[in-house]
Amino acid sequence: MDYELELDRVVSEIKKQKAKLVCLQLPEGLVPRAAEIQKEIKAKTNAKVMIWLGSCFGACDVPDLSKQKVDLLIQFGHSEWR
């Protein structure tokens, strides 16, 4: 199954926010593509990109990043969220 990850939109938001450290939160189905997604984002921005490998049960499952100095959390999902 192929997903529309909107990586151009992600890159644009990282640049707009001038984020230095970005955390990606992926649903289980996208975890196998984590390194590929991380590599593409890093190639197009100056940000360091970390992958959240904890739970991800949807947009309401926000990881506790209080101990990290994360500038931007990008949550990927299976459905459009409005």
C-alpha atoms as a PDB file:
ATOM      1  CA  MET A   1       0.000   0.000   0.000  1.00  0.00           C
ATOM      2  CA  ASP A   2       1.299   3.410  -0.935  1.00  0.00           C
ATOM      3  CA  TYR A   3       0.604   6.463   1.195  1.00  0.00           C
ATOM      4  CA  GLU A   4       0.575  10.154   0.327  1.00  0.00           C
ATOM      5  CA  LEU A   5       2.943  11.416   3.011  1.00  0.00           C
ATOM      6  CA  GLU A   6       2.885  15.060   1.893  1.00  0.00           C
ATOM      7  CA  LEU A   7       6.618  15.360   2.531  1.00  0.00           C
ATOM      8  CA  ASP A   8       6.791  18.639   0.598  1.00  0.00           C
ATOM      9  CA  ARG A   9       4.262  20.054   3.068  1.00  0.00           C
ATOM     10  CA  VAL A  10       6.289  18.658   5.986  1.00  0.00           C
ATOM     11  CA  VAL A  11       9.512  20.207   4.642  1.00  0.00           C
ATOM     12  CA  SER A  12       7.753  23.525   4.092  1.00  0.00           C
ATOM     13  CA  GLU A  13       6.455  23.573   7.682  1.00  0.00           C
ATOM     14  CA  ILE A  14       9.885  22.715   9.096  1.00  0.00           C
ATOM     15  CA  LYS A  15      11.397  25.603   7.166  1.00  0.00           C
ATOM     16  CA  LYS A  16       8.554  27.960   8.112  1.00  0.00           C
ATOM     17  CA  GLN A  17       8.953  27.102  11.819  1.00  0.00           C
ATOM     18  CA  LYS A  18      12.781  27.200  11.528  1.00  0.00           C
ATOM     19  CA  ALA A  19      12.768  23.945  13.466  1.00  0.00           C
ATOM     20  CA  LYS A  20      16.165  22.600  14.477  1.00  0.00           C
ATOM     21  CA  LEU A  21      14.956  19.319  16.027  1.00  0.00           C
ATOM     22  CA  VAL A  22      11.933  17.544  14.593  1.00  0.00           C
ATOM     23  CA  CYS A  23      10.257  14.435  15.956  1.00  0.00           C
ATOM     24  CA  LEU A  24       8.342  12.124  13.624  1.00  0.00           C
ATOM     25  CA  GLN A  25       5.559  10.023  15.099  1.00  0.00           C
ATOM     26  CA  LEU A  26       4.456   7.224  12.803  1.00  0.00           C
ATOM     27  CA  PRO A  27       1.697   4.638  12.982  1.00  0.00           C
ATOM     28  CA  GLU A  28       2.899   1.042  13.078  1.00  0.00           C
ATOM     29  CA  GLY A  29       2.253   0.549   9.364  1.00  0.00           C
ATOM     30  CA  LEU A  30       4.703   3.331   8.436  1.00  0.00           C
ATOM     31  CA  VAL A  31       7.493   2.409  10.879  1.00  0.00           C
ATOM     32  CA  PRO A  32       9.259   0.247   8.239  1.00  0.00           C
ATOM     33  CA  ARG A  33       9.596   3.412   6.118  1.00  0.00           C
ATOM     34  CA  ALA A  34      10.882   5.578   9.002  1.00  0.00           C
ATOM     35  CA  ALA A  35      14.508   5.724   7.821  1.00  0.00           C
ATOM     36  CA  GLU A  36      13.429   6.600   4.269  1.00  0.00           C
ATOM     37  CA  ILE A  37      11.144   9.397   5.511  1.00  0.00           C
ATOM     38  CA  GLN A  38      13.828  10.698   7.879  1.00  0.00           C
ATOM     39  CA  LYS A  39      16.462  10.684   5.129  1.00  0.00           C
ATOM     40  CA  GLU A  40      14.269  12.635   2.704  1.00  0.00           C
ATOM     41  CA  ILE A  41      13.389  15.288   5.296  1.00  0.00           C
ATOM     42  CA  LYS A  42      17.016  15.678   6.401  1.00  0.00           C
ATOM     43  CA  ALA A  43      18.117  16.067   2.775  1.00  0.00           C
ATOM     44  CA  LYS A  44      15.718  18.980   2.250  1.00  0.00           C
ATOM     45  CA  THR A  45      16.096  20.823   5.566  1.00  0.00           C
ATOM     46  CA  ASN A  46      18.748  21.726   8.126  1.00  0.00           C
ATOM     47  CA  ALA A  47      16.807  19.998  10.894  1.00  0.00           C
ATOM     48  CA  LYS A  48      17.845  16.990  12.920  1.00  0.00           C
ATOM     49  CA  VAL A  49      15.102  14.398  12.682  1.00  0.00           C
ATOM     50  CA  MET A  50      14.313  11.894  15.421  1.00  0.00           C
ATOM     51  CA  ILE A  51      11.831   9.049  15.198  1.00  0.00           C
ATOM     52  CA  TRP A  52       9.408   8.416  18.058  1.00  0.00           C
ATOM     53  CA  LEU A  53       9.308   4.645  18.532  1.00  0.00           C
ATOM     54  CA  GLY A  54       6.836   4.637  21.399  1.00  0.00           C
ATOM     55  CA  SER A  55       3.113   4.118  21.104  1.00  0.00           C
ATOM     56  CA  CYS A  56       1.017   5.821  18.475  1.00  0.00           C
ATOM     57  CA  PHE A  57      -2.733   5.374  18.763  1.00  0.00           C
ATOM     58  CA  GLY A  58      -3.762   8.371  16.703  1.00  0.00           C
ATOM     59  CA  ALA A  59      -3.534  12.153  16.794  1.00  0.00           C
ATOM     60  CA  CYS A  60      -4.549  12.287  20.456  1.00  0.00           C
ATOM     61  CA  ASP A  61      -1.561  10.113  21.461  1.00  0.00           C
ATOM     62  CA  VAL A  62       1.030  12.875  21.725  1.00  0.00           C
ATOM     63  CA  PRO A  63       4.413  11.710  23.039  1.00  0.00           C
ATOM     64  CA  ASP A  64       5.937  13.315  26.127  1.00  0.00           C
ATOM     65  CA  LEU A  65       8.847  15.240  24.631  1.00  0.00           C
ATOM     66  CA  SER A  66       9.366  17.486  27.645  1.00  0.00           C
ATOM     67  CA  LYS A  67      12.902  16.167  28.219  1.00  0.00           C
ATOM     68  CA  GLN A  68      13.952  16.802  24.623  1.00  0.00           C
ATOM     69  CA  LYS A  69      14.230  20.204  23.001  1.00  0.00           C
ATOM     70  CA  VAL A  70      11.956  19.309  20.104  1.00  0.00           C
ATOM     71  CA  ASP A  71      10.851  22.281  18.031  1.00  0.00           C
ATOM     72  CA  LEU A  72       8.231  20.472  15.972  1.00  0.00           C
ATOM     73  CA  LEU A  73       6.296  17.209  16.215  1.00  0.00           C
ATOM     74  CA  ILE A  74       5.092  15.751  12.922  1.00  0.00           C
ATOM     75  CA  GLN A  75       2.416  13.076  13.309  1.00  0.00           C
ATOM     76  CA  PHE A  76       1.691  10.831  10.368  1.00  0.00           C
ATOM     77  CA  GLY A  77      -1.554   8.911  10.198  1.00  0.00           C
ATOM     78  CA  HIS A  78      -3.682   6.781   7.948  1.00  0.00           C
ATOM     79  CA  SER A  79      -6.527   9.257   7.572  1.00  0.00           C
ATOM     80  CA  GLU A  80      -6.833  12.960   6.931  1.00  0.00           C
ATOM     81  CA  TRP A  81      -7.281  14.924  10.143  1.00  0.00           C
ATOM     82  CA  ARG A  82      -9.093  18.246  10.169  1.00  0.00           C
END
